[in-house]
Amino acid sequence: MPNDATVQASVSSRFGTPIVEFDIPDPADLNAELKRVVLEKEKEGPGRQHSNLGGWQSGDDFERWSGSAGRALIETAKSVAGQMTGDRMGRPVELRWLTNAWANVNRGGHGNEFHTHPGAFWSASYYVEDGGIADNPALGGEFEIQDPRGVAPAMLAPHLAFAMPGGASAGASELIRPRPGLLLMFPFWLSHAVRPYKGNDVRISIAINLTPAPPAARTP
């Protein structure tokens, strides 16, 4: 074969990682109410320190204190998760989702270190306020996801990448810029972080874990 011949090869991508982006229609009223209840809750105490690097994080009882706006958000997340989940034959399934959720408030310099959400099936992040990030990328605060295949490609030859869609970030990470109304859903095991927010406003998100309830026991 001549050295300059074009290789005719079939290329497929396997073991893909699903990243779901769903924009809630007309989210302004929902986000205004969520912002109000979250900032009121923030005033009650310092919150917890988990993956957050600065900022404020509530306990995982968001559903208890977030009112009708919180319930609407959780129901939307359940609906999206249901549509994105099937059995091993690719057929739709009827599921009852168990959820827990918490609020995150980041201001200038705050972020979240890499972490996962053990014990769930889907995890999600909903963006109430983006702090101006969508319009100004220089403000940082992006949602960062690590390649679940590991860092080996980047360690062995960091100047090379796979010549196919999605190959440029092999062994590294990718960024998703928040925007108000975005519900971002991903497998619980996907390592993710939030880059430091550099703005002067406030970045508010709601984290949600969704786990399918065990099948109900049948009466003998």
N, C-alpha and C. Protein backbone atom coordinates (compact mmCIF):
# COMPACT_ATOMS: atom_id res chain seq x y z
N MET A 1 0.85 -1.20 0.00
CA MET A 1 0.00 0.00 0.00
C MET A 1 0.88 1.25 0.00
N PRO A 2 0.63 2.22 -0.86
CA PRO A 2 1.42 3.47 -0.85
C PRO A 2 1.28 4.18 0.48
N ASN A 3 2.35 4.84 0.89
CA ASN A 3 2.33 5.50 2.19
C ASN A 3 1.31 6.62 2.28
N ASP A 4 0.99 7.23 1.12
CA ASP A 4 0.06 8.36 1.16
C ASP A 4 -1.38 7.95 0.85
N ALA A 5 -1.64 6.64 0.81
CA ALA A 5 -2.99 6.17 0.51
C ALA A 5 -3.93 6.48 1.67
N THR A 6 -5.17 6.82 1.35
CA THR A 6 -6.18 7.05 2.38
C THR A 6 -6.70 5.72 2.87
N VAL A 7 -6.68 5.52 4.18
CA VAL A 7 -7.15 4.27 4.75
C VAL A 7 -8.67 4.26 4.76
N GLN A 8 -9.25 3.24 4.18
CA GLN A 8 -10.70 3.07 4.21
C GLN A 8 -11.04 2.14 5.37
N ALA A 9 -11.46 2.70 6.48
CA ALA A 9 -11.71 1.91 7.68
C ALA A 9 -13.06 2.28 8.27
N SER A 10 -13.67 1.30 8.88
CA SER A 10 -14.92 1.53 9.60
C SER A 10 -14.58 1.85 11.05
N VAL A 11 -15.08 2.96 11.54
CA VAL A 11 -14.80 3.41 12.91
C VAL A 11 -16.12 3.51 13.67
N SER A 12 -16.18 2.89 14.82
CA SER A 12 -17.36 3.01 15.68
C SER A 12 -16.93 3.42 17.08
N SER A 13 -17.85 3.99 17.81
CA SER A 13 -17.58 4.39 19.19
C SER A 13 -18.42 3.52 20.12
N ARG A 14 -17.79 2.90 21.09
CA ARG A 14 -18.49 2.00 22.01
C ARG A 14 -18.33 2.49 23.46
N PHE A 15 -19.19 2.00 24.33
CA PHE A 15 -19.16 2.35 25.75
C PHE A 15 -19.25 3.86 25.98
N GLY A 16 -20.15 4.47 25.23
CA GLY A 16 -20.34 5.91 25.40
C GLY A 16 -20.93 6.26 26.76
N THR A 17 -20.68 7.47 27.22
CA THR A 17 -21.21 7.96 28.49
C THR A 17 -22.35 8.93 28.21
N PRO A 18 -23.57 8.63 28.64
CA PRO A 18 -24.69 9.53 28.33
C PRO A 18 -24.66 10.80 29.17
N ILE A 19 -24.73 11.93 28.49
CA ILE A 19 -24.84 13.23 29.14
C ILE A 19 -26.12 13.86 28.60
N VAL A 20 -27.11 14.04 29.46
CA VAL A 20 -28.41 14.54 29.05
C VAL A 20 -28.50 16.02 29.37
N GLU A 21 -28.88 16.82 28.37
CA GLU A 21 -29.11 18.25 28.58
C GLU A 21 -30.57 18.54 28.23
N PHE A 22 -31.34 18.96 29.21
CA PHE A 22 -32.75 19.28 29.00
C PHE A 22 -33.01 20.70 29.49
N ASP A 23 -33.50 21.56 28.61
CA ASP A 23 -33.83 22.92 28.98
C ASP A 23 -35.30 23.00 29.37
N ILE A 24 -35.57 23.31 30.62
CA ILE A 24 -36.95 23.46 31.08
C ILE A 24 -37.59 24.66 30.37
N PRO A 25 -38.74 24.45 29.75
CA PRO A 25 -39.38 25.57 29.03
C PRO A 25 -39.78 26.71 29.96
N ASP A 26 -39.54 27.93 29.52
CA ASP A 26 -39.95 29.13 30.27
C ASP A 26 -39.64 29.02 31.76
N PRO A 27 -38.37 28.96 32.13
CA PRO A 27 -38.02 28.69 33.53
C PRO A 27 -37.99 29.92 34.44
N ALA A 28 -38.31 31.09 33.93
CA ALA A 28 -38.10 32.32 34.72
C ALA A 28 -38.84 32.30 36.05
N ASP A 29 -40.14 31.97 36.05
CA ASP A 29 -40.90 31.97 37.31
C ASP A 29 -40.39 30.89 38.26
N LEU A 30 -40.13 29.70 37.72
CA LEU A 30 -39.60 28.61 38.55
C LEU A 30 -38.28 29.03 39.19
N ASN A 31 -37.38 29.60 38.39
CA ASN A 31 -36.07 29.97 38.90
C ASN A 31 -36.14 31.11 39.91
N ALA A 32 -37.06 32.04 39.71
CA ALA A 32 -37.21 33.14 40.67
C ALA A 32 -37.63 32.60 42.03
N GLU A 33 -38.56 31.64 42.05
CA GLU A 33 -39.00 31.07 43.32
C GLU A 33 -37.92 30.20 43.95
N LEU A 34 -37.23 29.42 43.13
CA LEU A 34 -36.14 28.60 43.66
C LEU A 34 -35.03 29.48 44.24
N LYS A 35 -34.70 30.55 43.55
CA LYS A 35 -33.67 31.46 44.06
C LYS A 35 -34.09 32.04 45.40
N ARG A 36 -35.35 32.42 45.52
CA ARG A 36 -35.84 33.01 46.77
C ARG A 36 -35.71 32.02 47.93
N VAL A 37 -36.19 30.79 47.73
CA VAL A 37 -36.19 29.84 48.85
C VAL A 37 -34.77 29.38 49.19
N VAL A 38 -33.90 29.27 48.18
CA VAL A 38 -32.52 28.84 48.45
C VAL A 38 -31.77 29.91 49.22
N LEU A 39 -31.88 31.17 48.81
CA LEU A 39 -31.16 32.23 49.52
C LEU A 39 -31.72 32.45 50.92
N GLU A 40 -33.02 32.21 51.11
CA GLU A 40 -33.59 32.27 52.46
C GLU A 40 -33.02 31.14 53.32
N LYS A 41 -32.92 29.96 52.75
CA LYS A 41 -32.37 28.81 53.48
C LYS A 41 -30.90 29.05 53.83
N GLU A 42 -30.17 29.69 52.95
CA GLU A 42 -28.75 29.96 53.20
C GLU A 42 -28.56 30.80 54.46
N LYS A 43 -29.51 31.67 54.76
CA LYS A 43 -29.40 32.55 55.92
C LYS A 43 -29.49 31.79 57.24
N GLU A 44 -29.97 30.55 57.21
CA GLU A 44 -30.20 29.81 58.45
C GLU A 44 -28.92 29.25 59.07
N GLY A 45 -27.86 29.15 58.30
CA GLY A 45 -26.63 28.59 58.86
C GLY A 45 -25.56 28.39 57.81
N PRO A 46 -24.39 27.93 58.25
CA PRO A 46 -23.24 27.83 57.34
C PRO A 46 -23.35 26.70 56.32
N GLY A 47 -24.33 25.81 56.46
CA GLY A 47 -24.44 24.70 55.52
C GLY A 47 -23.38 23.64 55.78
N ARG A 48 -23.26 22.72 54.86
CA ARG A 48 -22.31 21.62 55.04
C ARG A 48 -21.14 21.75 54.06
N GLN A 49 -20.05 21.13 54.43
CA GLN A 49 -18.88 21.06 53.56
C GLN A 49 -18.75 19.64 53.05
N HIS A 50 -18.89 19.47 51.77
CA HIS A 50 -18.80 18.14 51.17
C HIS A 50 -17.78 18.21 50.05
N SER A 51 -18.25 18.38 48.81
CA SER A 51 -17.31 18.56 47.70
C SER A 51 -17.02 20.03 47.45
N ASN A 52 -17.77 20.91 48.11
CA ASN A 52 -17.66 22.33 47.81
C ASN A 52 -16.37 22.94 48.35
N LEU A 53 -15.77 23.77 47.52
CA LEU A 53 -14.58 24.53 47.88
C LEU A 53 -15.01 25.98 48.06
N GLY A 54 -15.42 26.28 49.28
CA GLY A 54 -16.06 27.56 49.54
C GLY A 54 -17.54 27.45 49.18
N GLY A 55 -18.24 28.55 49.23
CA GLY A 55 -19.65 28.53 48.90
C GLY A 55 -20.49 27.91 50.00
N TRP A 56 -21.77 27.71 49.69
CA TRP A 56 -22.72 27.16 50.66
C TRP A 56 -23.44 25.98 50.04
N GLN A 57 -23.62 24.93 50.82
CA GLN A 57 -24.34 23.74 50.37
C GLN A 57 -25.33 23.33 51.45
N SER A 58 -26.57 23.11 51.05
CA SER A 58 -27.58 22.70 52.02
C SER A 58 -27.43 21.22 52.34
N GLY A 59 -28.19 20.75 53.33
CA GLY A 59 -28.32 19.32 53.52
C GLY A 59 -29.09 18.72 52.36
N ASP A 60 -29.19 17.38 52.32
CA ASP A 60 -29.84 16.75 51.18
C ASP A 60 -31.35 16.61 51.37
N ASP A 61 -31.95 17.55 52.12
CA ASP A 61 -33.39 17.56 52.37
C ASP A 61 -34.08 18.68 51.58
N PHE A 62 -33.54 19.02 50.43
CA PHE A 62 -34.08 20.09 49.58
C PHE A 62 -35.59 19.93 49.37
N GLU A 63 -36.04 18.71 49.16
CA GLU A 63 -37.45 18.48 48.86
C GLU A 63 -38.35 18.87 50.03
N ARG A 64 -37.82 18.85 51.23
CA ARG A 64 -38.62 19.14 52.42
C ARG A 64 -38.92 20.63 52.56
N TRP A 65 -37.98 21.49 52.15
CA TRP A 65 -38.14 22.92 52.40
C TRP A 65 -38.30 23.79 51.14
N SER A 66 -38.27 23.19 49.97
CA SER A 66 -38.25 23.99 48.74
C SER A 66 -39.63 24.28 48.17
N GLY A 67 -40.68 23.77 48.79
CA GLY A 67 -42.03 24.10 48.38
C GLY A 67 -42.44 23.58 47.02
N SER A 68 -43.43 24.24 46.41
CA SER A 68 -43.98 23.76 45.14
C SER A 68 -42.97 23.85 44.01
N ALA A 69 -42.09 24.85 44.05
CA ALA A 69 -41.08 24.97 43.00
C ALA A 69 -40.11 23.79 43.05
N GLY A 70 -39.70 23.42 44.25
CA GLY A 70 -38.81 22.28 44.39
C GLY A 70 -39.46 20.99 43.94
N ARG A 71 -40.74 20.81 44.29
CA ARG A 71 -41.45 19.59 43.88
C ARG A 71 -41.58 19.53 42.36
N ALA A 72 -41.84 20.67 41.73
CA ALA A 72 -41.96 20.70 40.27
C ALA A 72 -40.64 20.32 39.61
N LEU A 73 -39.54 20.82 40.15
CA LEU A 73 -38.24 20.47 39.60
C LEU A 73 -37.95 18.99 39.75
N ILE A 74 -38.21 18.44 40.92
CA ILE A 74 -37.95 17.02 41.15
C ILE A 74 -38.80 16.15 40.22
N GLU A 75 -40.06 16.51 40.03
CA GLU A 75 -40.93 15.75 39.14
C GLU A 75 -40.43 15.80 37.70
N THR A 76 -39.91 16.94 37.29
CA THR A 76 -39.34 17.05 35.95
C THR A 76 -38.12 16.15 35.81
N ALA A 77 -37.27 16.15 36.83
CA ALA A 77 -36.08 15.30 36.79
C ALA A 77 -36.47 13.82 36.71
N LYS A 78 -37.50 13.42 37.46
CA LYS A 78 -37.97 12.04 37.41
C LYS A 78 -38.48 11.69 36.01
N SER A 79 -39.19 12.61 35.39
CA SER A 79 -39.72 12.37 34.06
C SER A 79 -38.60 12.19 33.04
N VAL A 80 -37.61 13.06 33.10
CA VAL A 80 -36.48 12.94 32.17
C VAL A 80 -35.72 11.64 32.41
N ALA A 81 -35.47 11.31 33.68
CA ALA A 81 -34.77 10.06 33.99
C ALA A 81 -35.54 8.86 33.48
N GLY A 82 -36.88 8.89 33.61
CA GLY A 82 -37.69 7.78 33.13
C GLY A 82 -37.57 7.59 31.63
N GLN A 83 -37.54 8.70 30.90
CA GLN A 83 -37.43 8.61 29.44
C GLN A 83 -36.05 8.15 29.01
N MET A 84 -35.05 8.36 29.83
CA MET A 84 -33.68 8.02 29.47
C MET A 84 -33.24 6.66 30.02
N THR A 85 -34.18 5.89 30.57
CA THR A 85 -33.85 4.61 31.18
C THR A 85 -34.71 3.52 30.55
N GLY A 86 -34.09 2.40 30.21
CA GLY A 86 -34.82 1.27 29.66
C GLY A 86 -34.25 -0.03 30.20
N ASP A 87 -34.82 -1.16 29.74
CA ASP A 87 -34.25 -2.43 30.16
C ASP A 87 -33.13 -2.82 29.21
N ARG A 88 -32.53 -3.99 29.44
CA ARG A 88 -31.37 -4.41 28.66
C ARG A 88 -31.72 -4.75 27.21
N MET A 89 -32.99 -4.82 26.91
CA MET A 89 -33.44 -5.06 25.54
C MET A 89 -33.80 -3.76 24.83
N GLY A 90 -33.58 -2.65 25.53
CA GLY A 90 -33.88 -1.35 24.95
C GLY A 90 -35.34 -0.93 25.05
N ARG A 91 -36.11 -1.65 25.85
CA ARG A 91 -37.53 -1.34 25.97
C ARG A 91 -37.77 -0.35 27.12
N PRO A 92 -38.77 0.51 27.00
CA PRO A 92 -39.09 1.43 28.11
C PRO A 92 -39.56 0.67 29.34
N VAL A 93 -39.35 1.25 30.49
CA VAL A 93 -39.73 0.63 31.76
C VAL A 93 -40.49 1.64 32.61
N GLU A 94 -41.37 1.12 33.45
CA GLU A 94 -42.08 1.96 34.41
C GLU A 94 -41.33 1.89 35.74
N LEU A 95 -40.86 3.03 36.22
CA LEU A 95 -40.04 3.05 37.43
C LEU A 95 -40.59 4.05 38.44
N ARG A 96 -40.39 3.75 39.69
CA ARG A 96 -40.65 4.71 40.77
C ARG A 96 -39.29 5.17 41.27
N TRP A 97 -39.04 6.46 41.14
CA TRP A 97 -37.72 6.99 41.48
C TRP A 97 -37.68 7.49 42.92
N LEU A 98 -36.64 7.09 43.64
CA LEU A 98 -36.33 7.67 44.95
C LEU A 98 -35.31 8.77 44.73
N THR A 99 -35.50 9.90 45.39
CA THR A 99 -34.63 11.05 45.15
C THR A 99 -34.15 11.68 46.45
N ASN A 100 -32.99 12.29 46.36
CA ASN A 100 -32.55 13.24 47.37
C ASN A 100 -31.84 14.36 46.64
N ALA A 101 -31.90 15.55 47.21
CA ALA A 101 -31.40 16.73 46.50
C ALA A 101 -30.89 17.76 47.49
N TRP A 102 -30.01 18.64 47.00
CA TRP A 102 -29.48 19.72 47.83
C TRP A 102 -29.16 20.92 46.96
N ALA A 103 -29.07 22.07 47.58
CA ALA A 103 -28.80 23.33 46.88
C ALA A 103 -27.35 23.73 47.06
N ASN A 104 -26.81 24.38 46.03
CA ASN A 104 -25.44 24.89 46.05
C ASN A 104 -25.45 26.37 45.69
N VAL A 105 -24.75 27.17 46.47
CA VAL A 105 -24.62 28.60 46.19
C VAL A 105 -23.14 28.94 46.12
N ASN A 106 -22.70 29.38 44.95
CA ASN A 106 -21.30 29.77 44.77
C ASN A 106 -21.21 31.24 44.42
N ARG A 107 -20.26 31.90 45.07
CA ARG A 107 -19.94 33.28 44.73
C ARG A 107 -18.47 33.34 44.30
N GLY A 108 -17.91 34.52 44.22
CA GLY A 108 -16.57 34.68 43.67
C GLY A 108 -15.53 33.77 44.31
N GLY A 109 -14.84 32.97 43.50
CA GLY A 109 -13.77 32.10 43.97
C GLY A 109 -14.21 30.72 44.40
N HIS A 110 -15.52 30.47 44.44
CA HIS A 110 -16.03 29.18 44.92
C HIS A 110 -16.13 28.16 43.79
N GLY A 111 -15.98 26.88 44.14
CA GLY A 111 -16.11 25.80 43.18
C GLY A 111 -16.37 24.50 43.90
N ASN A 112 -16.23 23.39 43.20
CA ASN A 112 -16.39 22.06 43.77
C ASN A 112 -15.30 21.14 43.25
N GLU A 113 -14.71 20.36 44.14
CA GLU A 113 -13.68 19.42 43.71
C GLU A 113 -14.32 18.20 43.05
N PHE A 114 -13.48 17.38 42.37
CA PHE A 114 -13.99 16.20 41.69
C PHE A 114 -14.59 15.22 42.70
N HIS A 115 -15.75 14.65 42.31
CA HIS A 115 -16.45 13.71 43.17
C HIS A 115 -17.44 12.92 42.34
N THR A 116 -18.02 11.88 42.93
CA THR A 116 -19.10 11.11 42.32
C THR A 116 -20.26 11.05 43.31
N HIS A 117 -21.36 10.41 42.91
CA HIS A 117 -22.53 10.31 43.76
C HIS A 117 -22.90 8.84 43.97
N PRO A 118 -22.17 8.12 44.78
CA PRO A 118 -22.45 6.69 44.98
C PRO A 118 -23.88 6.44 45.47
N GLY A 119 -24.44 5.33 45.02
CA GLY A 119 -25.75 4.93 45.51
C GLY A 119 -26.92 5.38 44.67
N ALA A 120 -26.67 6.13 43.58
CA ALA A 120 -27.74 6.57 42.70
C ALA A 120 -27.65 5.81 41.38
N PHE A 121 -28.57 6.09 40.47
CA PHE A 121 -28.50 5.58 39.10
C PHE A 121 -28.19 6.73 38.16
N TRP A 122 -29.01 7.78 38.24
CA TRP A 122 -28.74 9.04 37.56
C TRP A 122 -28.43 10.11 38.62
N SER A 123 -27.56 11.05 38.26
CA SER A 123 -27.39 12.26 39.05
C SER A 123 -27.66 13.44 38.13
N ALA A 124 -28.03 14.56 38.71
CA ALA A 124 -28.39 15.72 37.90
C ALA A 124 -27.98 17.01 38.59
N SER A 125 -27.81 18.03 37.78
CA SER A 125 -27.57 19.37 38.29
C SER A 125 -28.49 20.32 37.53
N TYR A 126 -29.28 21.09 38.27
CA TYR A 126 -30.18 22.06 37.64
C TYR A 126 -29.68 23.47 37.97
N TYR A 127 -29.66 24.33 36.96
CA TYR A 127 -29.08 25.66 37.12
C TYR A 127 -30.18 26.72 37.26
N VAL A 128 -30.23 27.27 38.46
CA VAL A 128 -31.19 28.32 38.78
C VAL A 128 -30.63 29.67 38.35
N GLU A 129 -29.39 29.94 38.71
CA GLU A 129 -28.67 31.16 38.33
C GLU A 129 -27.28 30.76 37.86
N ASP A 130 -26.84 31.30 36.73
CA ASP A 130 -25.50 30.95 36.23
C ASP A 130 -24.46 32.01 36.54
N GLY A 131 -24.87 33.12 37.17
CA GLY A 131 -23.91 34.16 37.51
C GLY A 131 -23.31 34.87 36.31
N GLY A 132 -23.98 34.78 35.14
CA GLY A 132 -23.48 35.42 33.94
C GLY A 132 -22.56 34.56 33.10
N ILE A 133 -22.37 33.31 33.49
CA ILE A 133 -21.41 32.42 32.82
C ILE A 133 -21.79 32.17 31.37
N ALA A 134 -23.09 31.98 31.10
CA ALA A 134 -23.52 31.65 29.74
C ALA A 134 -23.12 32.74 28.75
N ASP A 135 -23.15 33.99 29.19
CA ASP A 135 -22.83 35.11 28.30
C ASP A 135 -21.36 35.49 28.32
N ASN A 136 -20.64 35.09 29.36
CA ASN A 136 -19.24 35.50 29.49
C ASN A 136 -18.40 34.32 29.96
N PRO A 137 -17.80 33.57 29.03
CA PRO A 137 -17.00 32.39 29.41
C PRO A 137 -15.83 32.71 30.34
N ALA A 138 -15.38 33.95 30.37
CA ALA A 138 -14.25 34.32 31.22
C ALA A 138 -14.59 34.21 32.70
N LEU A 139 -15.86 34.09 33.04
CA LEU A 139 -16.26 34.01 34.44
C LEU A 139 -16.04 32.62 35.04
N GLY A 140 -15.69 31.64 34.23
CA GLY A 140 -15.43 30.30 34.76
C GLY A 140 -16.70 29.64 35.25
N GLY A 141 -16.58 28.84 36.32
CA GLY A 141 -17.75 28.19 36.90
C GLY A 141 -18.33 27.07 36.07
N GLU A 142 -17.56 26.54 35.12
CA GLU A 142 -18.08 25.46 34.27
C GLU A 142 -18.19 24.15 35.04
N PHE A 143 -19.11 23.31 34.58
CA PHE A 143 -19.25 21.94 35.05
C PHE A 143 -18.21 21.12 34.29
N GLU A 144 -17.32 20.45 35.02
CA GLU A 144 -16.22 19.72 34.39
C GLU A 144 -16.39 18.22 34.62
N ILE A 145 -16.28 17.44 33.55
CA ILE A 145 -16.40 15.98 33.65
C ILE A 145 -15.11 15.33 33.19
N GLN A 146 -14.69 14.29 33.93
CA GLN A 146 -13.46 13.56 33.60
C GLN A 146 -13.77 12.36 32.72
N ASP A 147 -12.84 12.04 31.84
CA ASP A 147 -12.96 10.86 30.99
C ASP A 147 -13.00 9.62 31.87
N PRO A 148 -14.13 8.87 31.89
CA PRO A 148 -14.21 7.70 32.77
C PRO A 148 -13.31 6.55 32.33
N ARG A 149 -12.72 6.65 31.13
CA ARG A 149 -11.82 5.58 30.66
C ARG A 149 -10.43 5.71 31.28
N GLY A 150 -10.20 6.76 32.03
CA GLY A 150 -8.91 6.92 32.69
C GLY A 150 -8.01 7.91 31.97
N VAL A 151 -6.85 8.13 32.56
CA VAL A 151 -5.94 9.17 32.04
C VAL A 151 -4.83 8.61 31.16
N ALA A 152 -4.80 7.29 30.93
CA ALA A 152 -3.68 6.68 30.21
C ALA A 152 -3.37 7.34 28.87
N PRO A 153 -4.36 7.64 28.00
CA PRO A 153 -4.01 8.25 26.71
C PRO A 153 -3.26 9.56 26.87
N ALA A 154 -3.68 10.37 27.83
CA ALA A 154 -3.02 11.66 28.03
C ALA A 154 -1.64 11.49 28.66
N MET A 155 -1.48 10.48 29.51
CA MET A 155 -0.19 10.28 30.16
C MET A 155 0.86 9.75 29.18
N LEU A 156 0.45 8.84 28.30
CA LEU A 156 1.40 8.22 27.37
C LEU A 156 1.85 9.19 26.29
N ALA A 157 0.89 9.89 25.69
CA ALA A 157 1.22 10.80 24.60
C ALA A 157 0.28 12.00 24.65
N PRO A 158 0.52 12.93 25.56
CA PRO A 158 -0.43 14.03 25.77
C PRO A 158 -0.63 14.93 24.56
N HIS A 159 0.27 14.85 23.58
CA HIS A 159 0.16 15.69 22.38
C HIS A 159 -0.68 15.04 21.29
N LEU A 160 -1.15 13.79 21.52
CA LEU A 160 -1.92 13.08 20.51
C LEU A 160 -3.36 12.85 20.99
N ALA A 161 -4.25 12.63 20.03
CA ALA A 161 -5.65 12.34 20.32
C ALA A 161 -6.17 11.37 19.27
N PHE A 162 -7.31 10.75 19.54
CA PHE A 162 -7.93 9.86 18.57
C PHE A 162 -8.65 10.69 17.51
N ALA A 163 -8.42 10.37 16.24
CA ALA A 163 -8.98 11.14 15.13
C ALA A 163 -10.41 10.70 14.83
N MET A 164 -11.30 11.01 15.74
CA MET A 164 -12.72 10.67 15.59
C MET A 164 -13.51 11.56 16.53
N PRO A 165 -14.83 11.69 16.33
CA PRO A 165 -15.64 12.54 17.21
C PRO A 165 -15.47 12.14 18.68
N GLY A 166 -15.21 13.11 19.52
CA GLY A 166 -15.03 12.88 20.94
C GLY A 166 -13.63 12.45 21.32
N GLY A 167 -12.74 12.27 20.35
CA GLY A 167 -11.40 11.76 20.64
C GLY A 167 -10.44 12.79 21.19
N ALA A 168 -10.73 14.08 21.00
CA ALA A 168 -9.78 15.12 21.41
C ALA A 168 -9.60 15.17 22.92
N SER A 169 -10.62 14.75 23.69
CA SER A 169 -10.53 14.86 25.15
C SER A 169 -10.17 13.53 25.82
N ALA A 170 -9.74 12.54 25.04
CA ALA A 170 -9.43 11.23 25.61
C ALA A 170 -8.37 11.36 26.71
N GLY A 171 -8.68 10.81 27.87
CA GLY A 171 -7.77 10.88 29.00
C GLY A 171 -7.75 12.20 29.73
N ALA A 172 -8.64 13.10 29.35
CA ALA A 172 -8.64 14.43 29.95
C ALA A 172 -10.04 14.75 30.48
N SER A 173 -10.52 15.95 30.23
CA SER A 173 -11.84 16.34 30.72
C SER A 173 -12.52 17.23 29.69
N GLU A 174 -13.82 17.42 29.88
CA GLU A 174 -14.60 18.32 29.04
C GLU A 174 -15.40 19.25 29.94
N LEU A 175 -15.77 20.40 29.38
CA LEU A 175 -16.50 21.41 30.14
C LEU A 175 -17.89 21.62 29.57
N ILE A 176 -18.85 21.86 30.46
CA ILE A 176 -20.21 22.24 30.07
C ILE A 176 -20.53 23.54 30.78
N ARG A 177 -20.91 24.54 30.01
CA ARG A 177 -21.18 25.85 30.60
C ARG A 177 -22.63 25.92 31.06
N PRO A 178 -22.87 26.23 32.33
CA PRO A 178 -24.24 26.32 32.84
C PRO A 178 -25.02 27.44 32.16
N ARG A 179 -26.34 27.29 32.17
CA ARG A 179 -27.26 28.33 31.73
C ARG A 179 -28.56 28.17 32.51
N PRO A 180 -29.23 29.22 32.86
CA PRO A 180 -30.46 29.10 33.65
C PRO A 180 -31.49 28.22 32.94
N GLY A 181 -32.08 27.30 33.70
CA GLY A 181 -33.09 26.42 33.13
C GLY A 181 -32.56 25.11 32.62
N LEU A 182 -31.24 24.92 32.65
CA LEU A 182 -30.65 23.67 32.15
C LEU A 182 -30.67 22.59 33.22
N LEU A 183 -31.25 21.45 32.89
CA LEU A 183 -31.17 20.26 33.72
C LEU A 183 -30.16 19.33 33.07
N LEU A 184 -29.04 19.14 33.73
CA LEU A 184 -27.95 18.31 33.23
C LEU A 184 -27.97 16.99 33.98
N MET A 185 -28.07 15.86 33.26
CA MET A 185 -28.19 14.55 33.90
C MET A 185 -27.09 13.64 33.39
N PHE A 186 -26.54 12.81 34.29
CA PHE A 186 -25.38 11.99 33.95
C PHE A 186 -25.34 10.78 34.88
N PRO A 187 -24.61 9.71 34.52
CA PRO A 187 -24.51 8.55 35.40
C PRO A 187 -23.83 8.93 36.71
N PHE A 188 -24.28 8.33 37.81
CA PHE A 188 -23.79 8.71 39.13
C PHE A 188 -22.29 8.53 39.29
N TRP A 189 -21.71 7.59 38.51
CA TRP A 189 -20.29 7.25 38.68
C TRP A 189 -19.35 8.19 37.94
N LEU A 190 -19.91 9.11 37.16
CA LEU A 190 -19.07 10.01 36.37
C LEU A 190 -18.45 11.08 37.27
N SER A 191 -17.13 11.10 37.33
CA SER A 191 -16.43 12.07 38.18
C SER A 191 -16.60 13.47 37.59
N HIS A 192 -16.99 14.40 38.45
CA HIS A 192 -17.28 15.75 37.97
C HIS A 192 -16.89 16.78 39.03
N ALA A 193 -16.75 18.01 38.57
CA ALA A 193 -16.33 19.11 39.44
C ALA A 193 -16.94 20.40 38.91
N VAL A 194 -16.77 21.48 39.68
CA VAL A 194 -17.16 22.81 39.23
C VAL A 194 -15.93 23.69 39.31
N ARG A 195 -15.55 24.25 38.19
CA ARG A 195 -14.40 25.16 38.19
C ARG A 195 -14.74 26.45 38.94
N PRO A 196 -13.73 27.10 39.54
CA PRO A 196 -14.00 28.30 40.33
C PRO A 196 -14.75 29.36 39.53
N TYR A 197 -15.75 29.92 40.19
CA TYR A 197 -16.53 31.01 39.60
C TYR A 197 -15.81 32.33 39.87
N LYS A 198 -15.63 33.13 38.83
CA LYS A 198 -14.84 34.36 38.94
C LYS A 198 -15.69 35.62 38.87
N GLY A 199 -17.00 35.47 38.91
CA GLY A 199 -17.86 36.64 38.78
C GLY A 199 -18.18 37.30 40.10
N ASN A 200 -18.99 38.35 40.02
CA ASN A 200 -19.39 39.11 41.20
C ASN A 200 -20.85 38.88 41.58
N ASP A 201 -21.51 37.97 40.89
CA ASP A 201 -22.92 37.69 41.14
C ASP A 201 -23.02 36.40 41.95
N VAL A 202 -24.03 35.59 41.71
CA VAL A 202 -24.22 34.36 42.45
C VAL A 202 -24.57 33.24 41.46
N ARG A 203 -24.02 32.07 41.71
CA ARG A 203 -24.27 30.88 40.89
C ARG A 203 -25.02 29.89 41.77
N ILE A 204 -26.26 29.55 41.39
CA ILE A 204 -27.10 28.66 42.20
C ILE A 204 -27.47 27.43 41.39
N SER A 205 -27.23 26.27 41.98
CA SER A 205 -27.62 25.02 41.33
C SER A 205 -28.28 24.09 42.35
N ILE A 206 -29.05 23.15 41.82
CA ILE A 206 -29.68 22.11 42.63
C ILE A 206 -29.14 20.77 42.16
N ALA A 207 -28.53 20.01 43.06
CA ALA A 207 -28.04 18.66 42.75
C ALA A 207 -29.11 17.64 43.13
N ILE A 208 -29.30 16.66 42.26
CA ILE A 208 -30.35 15.66 42.47
C ILE A 208 -29.79 14.27 42.20
N ASN A 209 -30.07 13.34 43.09
CA ASN A 209 -29.78 11.92 42.87
C ASN A 209 -31.09 11.17 42.64
N LEU A 210 -31.08 10.27 41.66
CA LEU A 210 -32.27 9.48 41.34
C LEU A 210 -31.91 8.01 41.33
N THR A 211 -32.64 7.23 42.14
CA THR A 211 -32.39 5.80 42.29
C THR A 211 -33.70 5.05 42.08
N PRO A 212 -33.74 4.03 41.23
CA PRO A 212 -34.98 3.27 41.05
C PRO A 212 -35.34 2.49 42.31
N ALA A 213 -36.57 2.60 42.73
CA ALA A 213 -37.04 1.86 43.90
C ALA A 213 -37.09 0.38 43.59
N PRO A 214 -36.81 -0.48 44.57
CA PRO A 214 -36.91 -1.92 44.33
C PRO A 214 -38.33 -2.29 43.94
N PRO A 215 -38.49 -3.33 43.12
CA PRO A 215 -39.85 -3.78 42.76
C PRO A 215 -40.64 -4.14 44.00
N ALA A 216 -41.91 -3.82 44.00
CA ALA A 216 -42.75 -4.14 45.14
C ALA A 216 -42.86 -5.65 45.30
N ALA A 217 -42.82 -6.12 46.53
CA ALA A 217 -42.91 -7.55 46.79
C ALA A 217 -44.32 -8.04 46.44
N ARG A 218 -44.40 -9.17 45.79
CA ARG A 218 -45.69 -9.73 45.40
C ARG A 218 -46.30 -10.50 46.57
N THR A 219 -47.60 -10.39 46.73
CA THR A 219 -48.29 -11.14 47.78
C THR A 219 -48.44 -12.59 47.37
N PRO A 220 -47.96 -13.54 48.18
CA PRO A 220 -48.05 -14.95 47.79
C PRO A 220 -49.50 -15.42 47.70
